[in-house]
Every structure is written in C-alpha cells, then in structure tokens.
C-alpha cells in the first residue's frame, strides 16, 4: 500500500511539473502574441539555415508542399512527459511563393524514463498531398496515425532511402538543448489555433481558407523571406 501511495504521489508531482511548464508556454504564446510566433519562427529558420548540415533540409523545403514551424515547443517530464507548442503553417503555391499563414498548436504526451525540461524549435516539412490534406482538411490530426512522419534527412543524406521515410508525408527537423536525448512526435496531435487565426485575420478563419491566399501581410513577410533564403541555399549546393 505504501509503495502504491508513493508511486501515485510521484505521478501527481510529475503531472504538476508538466502542467506548470505547459501553462507557462501557452500563456507566453497566447493568441494576441501571434505576431511573436511568426517572428520566432523566422529566427528559427534563419538559425537552422546557418548549420553545417542544413543542405538537405534546404532541398527538402525547396520541394515542399507546406511547412509548419513550431519555434518554442516545451517538453517536460518526470517519468510522465508532456509537450506543447504554438506554431505557424505556410503552403507553397504553384508560383513558388507562399500562402497563409494559419496558426496551429502541437500537443503530445509520453511515458518512460524521462526527467527534465527541454525547449525545442521544430520545422515540419510536408512532402506530399496526404500531408497537405492533413493540415487543410480539418481541425486536428494525429502524427504517426493519421499521417506518417519521420526525421528529415540531414547533411548530404537527401537521397538516402530508409524504411522509416518510405511512407512519411512529413519530415521533421529540430534544434534543441536540454536533458532529453531525443524527441519523437509520433502520437502528438496538431490542432488549428482558431484564436490566433482570428487575431491575425480579424475574423474567424479556418486553415483551408487561410492557406488558400498568398502570404502578403507585412507580419509574415519576414518569415517567407527567411524560407526563400533557405531555398536559395539549396540552389547553391
């Protein structure tokens, strides 16, 4: 009985830690700060583009159907883990430009031997129509279940074929530092952030509508400029 009570207490403590961190992250990136999400996303893309192994990522983005950027995703756990982040989605249009934005949230949980807090910046690159449909077809979807996801190729690994990428509709790239050795997004859920879309467009706007129009607003231009710089990097290698 004592062991059961102690185990329950540890689990409740772990959940308290996770909820505190996730609540703080959500408050920091609330809907009125949607412009900050775009700014942080632009900074993340810029920083990722300066890495020595960014060539394959740049080429993947050049051929992308869309990108979803979560500049500050918090992952925390003490045996029981949780993850939360706010991000922005852009679609590559037929002219090679960008449509959008639409805003999204990423929520996940995990179990296992985990301890610590990690802040992760992530870029999800949508590589086929199935992945694009996931972001435009409804209010939410689950990574790894509704749509396949795999770690994106890095360095000069773009042409390397692996079983894990064979059926993937989304490639993930991340920059992080913290106590976790790695990160898995399989099982996480991506939801449309209707509050942030409302704040950006001034009216209720679903993802399909938001991602059908060219990204011409001054707020999003800094992000599309950084994505275009990344794509040009692919063209020089």
C-alpha atoms as a PDB file:
ATOM      1  CA  UNK A   1       0.000   0.000   0.000  1.00  0.00           C
ATOM      2  CA  UNK A   2       2.786   2.426   0.905  1.00  0.00           C
ATOM      3  CA  UNK A   3       4.531   1.833  -2.387  1.00  0.00           C
ATOM      4  CA  UNK A   4       1.293   2.462  -4.284  1.00  0.00           C
ATOM      5  CA  UNK A   5       0.728   5.748  -2.481  1.00  0.00           C
ATOM      6  CA  UNK A   6       4.314   6.826  -3.133  1.00  0.00           C
ATOM      7  CA  UNK A   7       4.042   5.949  -6.815  1.00  0.00           C
ATOM      8  CA  UNK A   8       0.799   7.896  -7.096  1.00  0.00           C
ATOM      9  CA  UNK A   9       2.362  10.892  -5.360  1.00  0.00           C
ATOM     10  CA  UNK A  10       5.312  10.833  -7.757  1.00  0.00           C
ATOM     11  CA  UNK A  11       2.975  10.650 -10.742  1.00  0.00           C
ATOM     12  CA  UNK A  12       0.924  13.597  -9.466  1.00  0.00           C
ATOM     13  CA  UNK A  13       4.107  15.587  -8.862  1.00  0.00           C
ATOM     14  CA  UNK A  14       5.276  14.849 -12.384  1.00  0.00           C
ATOM     15  CA  UNK A  15       1.976  15.953 -13.843  1.00  0.00           C
ATOM     16  CA  UNK A  16       2.132  19.156 -11.807  1.00  0.00           C
ATOM     17  CA  UNK A  17       5.568  19.963 -13.230  1.00  0.00           C
ATOM     18  CA  UNK A  18       4.390  19.291 -16.781  1.00  0.00           C
ATOM     19  CA  UNK A  19       1.206  21.328 -16.390  1.00  0.00           C
ATOM     20  CA  UNK A  20       3.083  24.291 -14.917  1.00  0.00           C
ATOM     21  CA  UNK A  21       5.557  24.340 -17.788  1.00  0.00           C
ATOM     22  CA  UNK A  22       2.929  23.861 -20.463  1.00  0.00           C
ATOM     23  CA  UNK A  23       0.648  26.506 -18.981  1.00  0.00           C
ATOM     24  CA  UNK A  24       3.524  28.979 -18.931  1.00  0.00           C
ATOM     25  CA  UNK A  25       4.383  28.200 -22.544  1.00  0.00           C
ATOM     26  CA  UNK A  26       0.765  28.635 -23.609  1.00  0.00           C
ATOM     27  CA  UNK A  27       0.473  31.965 -21.802  1.00  0.00           C
ATOM     28  CA  UNK A  28       3.702  33.228 -23.373  1.00  0.00           C
ATOM     29  CA  UNK A  29       2.418  32.471 -26.867  1.00  0.00           C
ATOM     30  CA  UNK A  30      -1.275  33.293 -26.490  1.00  0.00           C
ATOM     31  CA  UNK A  31      -3.364  34.399 -29.458  1.00  0.00           C
ATOM     32  CA  UNK A  32      -2.689  38.178 -29.018  1.00  0.00           C
ATOM     33  CA  UNK A  33       1.001  37.357 -29.498  1.00  0.00           C
ATOM     34  CA  UNK A  34       0.530  35.632 -32.846  1.00  0.00           C
ATOM     35  CA  UNK A  35       2.978  38.060 -34.417  1.00  0.00           C
ATOM     36  CA  UNK A  36       5.606  36.889 -31.936  1.00  0.00           C
ATOM     37  CA  UNK A  37       5.095  33.320 -33.155  1.00  0.00           C
ATOM     38  CA  UNK A  38       5.902  34.481 -36.686  1.00  0.00           C
ATOM     39  CA  UNK A  39       8.964  36.434 -35.511  1.00  0.00           C
ATOM     40  CA  UNK A  40      10.312  33.490 -33.543  1.00  0.00           C
ATOM     41  CA  UNK A  41       9.651  31.181 -36.498  1.00  0.00           C
ATOM     42  CA  UNK A  42      11.659  33.457 -38.776  1.00  0.00           C
ATOM     43  CA  UNK A  43      14.527  33.450 -36.278  1.00  0.00           C
ATOM     44  CA  UNK A  44      14.444  29.655 -36.060  1.00  0.00           C
ATOM     45  CA  UNK A  45      14.555  29.193 -39.843  1.00  0.00           C
ATOM     46  CA  UNK A  46      17.424  31.668 -40.050  1.00  0.00           C
ATOM     47  CA  UNK A  47      19.399  29.849 -37.366  1.00  0.00           C
ATOM     48  CA  UNK A  48      18.746  26.425 -38.857  1.00  0.00           C
ATOM     49  CA  UNK A  49      19.929  27.658 -42.232  1.00  0.00           C
ATOM     50  CA  UNK A  50      23.347  28.533 -40.803  1.00  0.00           C
ATOM     51  CA  UNK A  51      24.039  24.985 -39.601  1.00  0.00           C
ATOM     52  CA  UNK A  52      26.709  22.978 -41.390  1.00  0.00           C
ATOM     53  CA  UNK A  53      24.281  20.162 -42.202  1.00  0.00           C
ATOM     54  CA  UNK A  54      21.432  22.372 -43.475  1.00  0.00           C
ATOM     55  CA  UNK A  55      21.814  21.444 -47.150  1.00  0.00           C
ATOM     56  CA  UNK A  56      19.405  18.506 -47.157  1.00  0.00           C
ATOM     57  CA  UNK A  57      16.848  20.447 -45.131  1.00  0.00           C
ATOM     58  CA  UNK A  58      17.074  23.331 -47.607  1.00  0.00           C
ATOM     59  CA  UNK A  59      16.498  20.995 -50.548  1.00  0.00           C
ATOM     60  CA  UNK A  60      13.573  19.359 -48.776  1.00  0.00           C
ATOM     61  CA  UNK A  61      11.950  22.753 -48.125  1.00  0.00           C
ATOM     62  CA  UNK A  62      12.535  23.716 -51.761  1.00  0.00           C
ATOM     63  CA  UNK A  63      10.373  20.755 -52.841  1.00  0.00           C
ATOM     64  CA  UNK A  64       7.852  21.080 -50.029  1.00  0.00           C
ATOM     65  CA  UNK A  65       4.087  21.265 -50.281  1.00  0.00           C
ATOM     66  CA  UNK A  66       3.977  23.195 -46.982  1.00  0.00           C
ATOM     67  CA  UNK A  67       5.897  23.879 -43.798  1.00  0.00           C
ATOM     68  CA  UNK A  68       4.753  24.037 -40.185  1.00  0.00           C
ATOM     69  CA  UNK A  69       7.100  25.808 -37.786  1.00  0.00           C
ATOM     70  CA  UNK A  70       6.918  25.484 -34.001  1.00  0.00           C
ATOM     71  CA  UNK A  71       9.649  27.803 -32.719  1.00  0.00           C
ATOM     72  CA  UNK A  72       9.282  27.125 -28.989  1.00  0.00           C
ATOM     73  CA  UNK A  73       7.956  23.713 -28.078  1.00  0.00           C
ATOM     74  CA  UNK A  74       8.328  22.801 -24.422  1.00  0.00           C
ATOM     75  CA  UNK A  75       8.791  19.167 -23.470  1.00  0.00           C
ATOM     76  CA  UNK A  76       8.850  18.323 -19.783  1.00  0.00           C
ATOM     77  CA  UNK A  77       8.606  15.204 -17.680  1.00  0.00           C
ATOM     78  CA  UNK A  78       9.350  13.318 -14.527  1.00  0.00           C
ATOM     79  CA  UNK A  79       8.559   9.757 -15.566  1.00  0.00           C
ATOM     80  CA  UNK A  80       5.388  11.039 -17.264  1.00  0.00           C
ATOM     81  CA  UNK A  81       6.067  13.545 -20.015  1.00  0.00           C
ATOM     82  CA  UNK A  82       4.132  16.181 -21.912  1.00  0.00           C
ATOM     83  CA  UNK A  83       4.762  18.546 -24.800  1.00  0.00           C
ATOM     84  CA  UNK A  84       3.156  21.739 -26.047  1.00  0.00           C
ATOM     85  CA  UNK A  85       3.994  24.317 -28.680  1.00  0.00           C
ATOM     86  CA  UNK A  86       2.399  27.021 -30.814  1.00  0.00           C
ATOM     87  CA  UNK A  87       3.338  27.426 -34.456  1.00  0.00           C
ATOM     88  CA  UNK A  88       2.535  28.705 -37.902  1.00  0.00           C
ATOM     89  CA  UNK A  89       1.773  26.911 -41.180  1.00  0.00           C
ATOM     90  CA  UNK A  90       2.546  28.107 -44.717  1.00  0.00           C
ATOM     91  CA  UNK A  91       1.728  26.399 -48.027  1.00  0.00           C
ATOM     92  CA  UNK A  92       3.991  26.566 -51.085  1.00  0.00           C
ATOM     93  CA  UNK A  93       1.896  27.751 -54.027  1.00  0.00           C
ATOM     94  CA  UNK A  94       2.180  26.957 -57.742  1.00  0.00           C
ATOM     95  CA  UNK A  95       4.232  30.103 -58.380  1.00  0.00           C
ATOM     96  CA  UNK A  96       6.887  29.124 -55.853  1.00  0.00           C
ATOM     97  CA  UNK A  97       5.623  31.647 -53.307  1.00  0.00           C
ATOM     98  CA  UNK A  98       3.835  31.083 -50.020  1.00  0.00           C
ATOM     99  CA  UNK A  99       0.204  31.041 -48.916  1.00  0.00           C
ATOM    100  CA  UNK A 100      -1.105  31.666 -45.412  1.00  0.00           C
ATOM    101  CA  UNK A 101      -0.445  31.802 -42.584  1.00  0.00           C
ATOM    102  CA  UNK A 102      -2.588  29.532 -40.491  1.00  0.00           C
ATOM    103  CA  UNK A 103      -1.710  29.016 -36.845  1.00  0.00           C
ATOM    104  CA  UNK A 104      -1.523  25.660 -35.097  1.00  0.00           C
ATOM    105  CA  UNK A 105      -0.770  24.051 -31.758  1.00  0.00           C
ATOM    106  CA  UNK A 106       1.180  20.858 -31.102  1.00  0.00           C
ATOM    107  CA  UNK A 107       0.253  18.724 -28.083  1.00  0.00           C
ATOM    108  CA  UNK A 108       1.767  15.414 -27.062  1.00  0.00           C
ATOM    109  CA  UNK A 109       2.426  13.141 -24.135  1.00  0.00           C
ATOM    110  CA  UNK A 110       4.755  10.252 -23.450  1.00  0.00           C
ATOM    111  CA  UNK A 111       5.625   7.683 -20.813  1.00  0.00           C
ATOM    112  CA  UNK A 112       9.020   6.289 -19.901  1.00  0.00           C
ATOM    113  CA  UNK A 113      12.230   7.112 -18.115  1.00  0.00           C
ATOM    114  CA  UNK A 114      12.302  10.858 -18.685  1.00  0.00           C
ATOM    115  CA  UNK A 115      13.383  13.669 -16.442  1.00  0.00           C
ATOM    116  CA  UNK A 116      13.951  17.310 -17.211  1.00  0.00           C
ATOM    117  CA  UNK A 117      12.711  20.159 -19.361  1.00  0.00           C
ATOM    118  CA  UNK A 118      13.650  20.754 -22.973  1.00  0.00           C
ATOM    119  CA  UNK A 119      12.845  23.624 -25.310  1.00  0.00           C
ATOM    120  CA  UNK A 120      12.777  22.555 -28.943  1.00  0.00           C
ATOM    121  CA  UNK A 121      12.427  24.516 -32.160  1.00  0.00           C
ATOM    122  CA  UNK A 122      10.907  22.415 -34.925  1.00  0.00           C
ATOM    123  CA  UNK A 123      10.244  22.680 -38.641  1.00  0.00           C
ATOM    124  CA  UNK A 124       7.863  20.132 -40.142  1.00  0.00           C
ATOM    125  CA  UNK A 125       8.214  19.842 -43.910  1.00  0.00           C
ATOM    126  CA  UNK A 126       5.160  18.487 -45.745  1.00  0.00           C
ATOM    127  CA  UNK A 127       6.334  16.467 -48.744  1.00  0.00           C
ATOM    128  CA  UNK A 128       3.161  15.106 -50.367  1.00  0.00           C
ATOM    129  CA  UNK A 129      -0.546  15.720 -50.881  1.00  0.00           C
ATOM    130  CA  UNK A 130      -1.563  13.477 -47.982  1.00  0.00           C
ATOM    131  CA  UNK A 131       0.405  15.654 -45.590  1.00  0.00           C
ATOM    132  CA  UNK A 132      -1.049  18.805 -47.122  1.00  0.00           C
ATOM    133  CA  UNK A 133      -4.580  17.438 -46.732  1.00  0.00           C
ATOM    134  CA  UNK A 134      -3.896  16.789 -43.053  1.00  0.00           C
ATOM    135  CA  UNK A 135      -3.166  20.481 -42.450  1.00  0.00           C
ATOM    136  CA  UNK A 136      -6.038  21.816 -44.591  1.00  0.00           C
ATOM    137  CA  UNK A 137      -8.738  19.169 -44.201  1.00  0.00           C
ATOM    138  CA  UNK A 138      -9.993  19.707 -40.672  1.00  0.00           C
ATOM    139  CA  UNK A 139      -9.412  20.960 -37.158  1.00  0.00           C
ATOM    140  CA  UNK A 140      -6.874  18.387 -35.941  1.00  0.00           C
ATOM    141  CA  UNK A 141      -4.906  15.258 -36.819  1.00  0.00           C
ATOM    142  CA  UNK A 142      -2.509  12.870 -35.142  1.00  0.00           C
ATOM    143  CA  UNK A 143       1.074  12.451 -36.278  1.00  0.00           C
ATOM    144  CA  UNK A 144       2.041   8.859 -36.938  1.00  0.00           C
ATOM    145  CA  UNK A 145      -1.580   7.707 -37.056  1.00  0.00           C
ATOM    146  CA  UNK A 146      -3.457   9.979 -39.460  1.00  0.00           C
ATOM    147  CA  UNK A 147      -0.318  10.945 -41.363  1.00  0.00           C
ATOM    148  CA  UNK A 148       3.179   9.458 -41.428  1.00  0.00           C
ATOM    149  CA  UNK A 149       6.122  11.404 -40.001  1.00  0.00           C
ATOM    150  CA  UNK A 150       9.870  10.703 -39.989  1.00  0.00           C
ATOM    151  CA  UNK A 151      13.079  12.503 -39.146  1.00  0.00           C
ATOM    152  CA  UNK A 152      14.171  14.533 -42.145  1.00  0.00           C
ATOM    153  CA  UNK A 153      17.423  13.831 -43.966  1.00  0.00           C
ATOM    154  CA  UNK A 154      20.403  15.963 -42.940  1.00  0.00           C
ATOM    155  CA  UNK A 155      23.791  16.780 -44.407  1.00  0.00           C
ATOM    156  CA  UNK A 156      24.142  15.068 -47.788  1.00  0.00           C
ATOM    157  CA  UNK A 157      21.650  12.365 -46.860  1.00  0.00           C
ATOM    158  CA  UNK A 158      18.788  13.653 -49.028  1.00  0.00           C
ATOM    159  CA  UNK A 159      18.750  10.684 -51.392  1.00  0.00           C
ATOM    160  CA  UNK A 160      19.284   8.064 -48.700  1.00  0.00           C
ATOM    161  CA  UNK A 161      16.279   5.721 -48.627  1.00  0.00           C
ATOM    162  CA  UNK A 162      15.170   4.334 -45.274  1.00  0.00           C
ATOM    163  CA  UNK A 163      12.139   2.290 -44.289  1.00  0.00           C
ATOM    164  CA  UNK A 164      11.102   4.953 -41.788  1.00  0.00           C
ATOM    165  CA  UNK A 165      10.803   7.593 -44.517  1.00  0.00           C
ATOM    166  CA  UNK A 166       9.185   5.425 -47.175  1.00  0.00           C
ATOM    167  CA  UNK A 167       5.604   6.256 -46.157  1.00  0.00           C
ATOM    168  CA  UNK A 168       6.250   9.583 -44.450  1.00  0.00           C
ATOM    169  CA  UNK A 169       4.221  12.606 -45.505  1.00  0.00           C
ATOM    170  CA  UNK A 170       6.082  14.930 -43.137  1.00  0.00           C
ATOM    171  CA  UNK A 171       9.794  15.285 -42.365  1.00  0.00           C
ATOM    172  CA  UNK A 172      10.752  16.795 -39.017  1.00  0.00           C
ATOM    173  CA  UNK A 173      13.796  18.932 -38.224  1.00  0.00           C
ATOM    174  CA  UNK A 174      14.656  20.253 -34.773  1.00  0.00           C
ATOM    175  CA  UNK A 175      17.117  22.390 -32.849  1.00  0.00           C
ATOM    176  CA  UNK A 176      17.238  21.791 -29.126  1.00  0.00           C
ATOM    177  CA  UNK A 177      19.249  21.697 -25.976  1.00  0.00           C
ATOM    178  CA  UNK A 178      18.267  20.216 -22.648  1.00  0.00           C
ATOM    179  CA  UNK A 179      18.105  16.968 -20.730  1.00  0.00           C
ATOM    180  CA  UNK A 180      16.350  14.763 -23.250  1.00  0.00           C
ATOM    181  CA  UNK A 181      18.467  12.710 -25.653  1.00  0.00           C
ATOM    182  CA  UNK A 182      15.979  12.956 -28.489  1.00  0.00           C
ATOM    183  CA  UNK A 183      12.414  13.752 -29.483  1.00  0.00           C
ATOM    184  CA  UNK A 184       9.627  11.770 -31.108  1.00  0.00           C
ATOM    185  CA  UNK A 185       6.473  13.414 -32.471  1.00  0.00           C
ATOM    186  CA  UNK A 186       4.623  10.211 -33.293  1.00  0.00           C
ATOM    187  CA  UNK A 187       1.349  10.227 -31.372  1.00  0.00           C
ATOM    188  CA  UNK A 188       1.293  14.007 -30.978  1.00  0.00           C
ATOM    189  CA  UNK A 189      -1.709  15.986 -32.169  1.00  0.00           C
ATOM    190  CA  UNK A 190      -1.722  19.122 -34.296  1.00  0.00           C
ATOM    191  CA  UNK A 191      -4.746  21.394 -33.869  1.00  0.00           C
ATOM    192  CA  UNK A 192      -5.805  24.513 -35.709  1.00  0.00           C
ATOM    193  CA  UNK A 193      -5.328  27.546 -33.431  1.00  0.00           C
ATOM    194  CA  UNK A 194      -8.556  29.355 -34.176  1.00  0.00           C
ATOM    195  CA  UNK A 195      -7.871  32.139 -31.662  1.00  0.00           C
ATOM    196  CA  UNK A 196      -4.574  33.041 -33.341  1.00  0.00           C
ATOM    197  CA  UNK A 197      -6.186  32.921 -36.801  1.00  0.00           C
ATOM    198  CA  UNK A 198      -8.909  35.246 -35.513  1.00  0.00           C
ATOM    199  CA  UNK A 199      -6.314  37.641 -34.105  1.00  0.00           C
ATOM    200  CA  UNK A 200      -4.314  37.668 -37.344  1.00  0.00           C
ATOM    201  CA  UNK A 201      -7.189  37.966 -39.848  1.00  0.00           C
ATOM    202  CA  UNK A 202      -9.684  39.860 -37.713  1.00  0.00           C
ATOM    203  CA  UNK A 203     -12.371  37.228 -38.332  1.00  0.00           C
ATOM    204  CA  UNK A 204     -12.875  33.514 -37.754  1.00  0.00           C
ATOM    205  CA  UNK A 205     -10.784  31.729 -40.397  1.00  0.00           C
ATOM    206  CA  UNK A 206     -10.274  28.008 -40.851  1.00  0.00           C
ATOM    207  CA  UNK A 207      -6.968  26.544 -42.014  1.00  0.00           C
ATOM    208  CA  UNK A 208      -8.161  25.742 -45.539  1.00  0.00           C
ATOM    209  CA  UNK A 209      -9.268  29.331 -46.120  1.00  0.00           C
ATOM    210  CA  UNK A 210      -6.172  30.850 -44.517  1.00  0.00           C
ATOM    211  CA  UNK A 211      -3.837  28.692 -46.593  1.00  0.00           C
ATOM    212  CA  UNK A 212      -5.586  29.435 -49.901  1.00  0.00           C
ATOM    213  CA  UNK A 213      -4.472  33.076 -50.099  1.00  0.00           C
ATOM    214  CA  UNK A 214      -0.970  34.448 -50.792  1.00  0.00           C
ATOM    215  CA  UNK A 215       1.097  35.346 -47.729  1.00  0.00           C
ATOM    216  CA  UNK A 216       1.363  39.060 -48.397  1.00  0.00           C
ATOM    217  CA  UNK A 217       0.914  40.604 -44.950  1.00  0.00           C
ATOM    218  CA  UNK A 218       3.820  42.595 -43.577  1.00  0.00           C
ATOM    219  CA  UNK A 219       3.836  40.440 -40.438  1.00  0.00           C
ATOM    220  CA  UNK A 220       4.537  37.210 -42.313  1.00  0.00           C
ATOM    221  CA  UNK A 221       6.963  38.628 -44.874  1.00  0.00           C
ATOM    222  CA  UNK A 222       9.959  38.266 -42.566  1.00  0.00           C
ATOM    223  CA  UNK A 223       9.250  34.545 -42.303  1.00  0.00           C
ATOM    224  CA  UNK A 224       8.730  33.966 -46.018  1.00  0.00           C
ATOM    225  CA  UNK A 225      11.957  35.891 -46.695  1.00  0.00           C
ATOM    226  CA  UNK A 226      13.902  33.521 -44.429  1.00  0.00           C
ATOM    227  CA  UNK A 227      12.307  30.477 -46.078  1.00  0.00           C
ATOM    228  CA  UNK A 228      13.247  31.837 -49.502  1.00  0.00           C
ATOM    229  CA  UNK A 229      16.833  32.391 -48.310  1.00  0.00           C
ATOM    230  CA  UNK A 230      16.923  28.772 -47.155  1.00  0.00           C
ATOM    231  CA  UNK A 231      15.674  27.609 -50.545  1.00  0.00           C
ATOM    232  CA  UNK A 232      18.346  29.665 -52.297  1.00  0.00           C
ATOM    233  CA  UNK A 233      20.912  27.883 -50.129  1.00  0.00           C
ATOM    234  CA  UNK A 234      19.725  24.608 -51.670  1.00  0.00           C
ATOM    235  CA  UNK A 235      20.205  26.068 -55.126  1.00  0.00           C
ATOM    236  CA  UNK A 236      23.861  26.880 -54.480  1.00  0.00           C
ATOM    237  CA  UNK A 237      24.854  23.338 -53.467  1.00  0.00           C
END
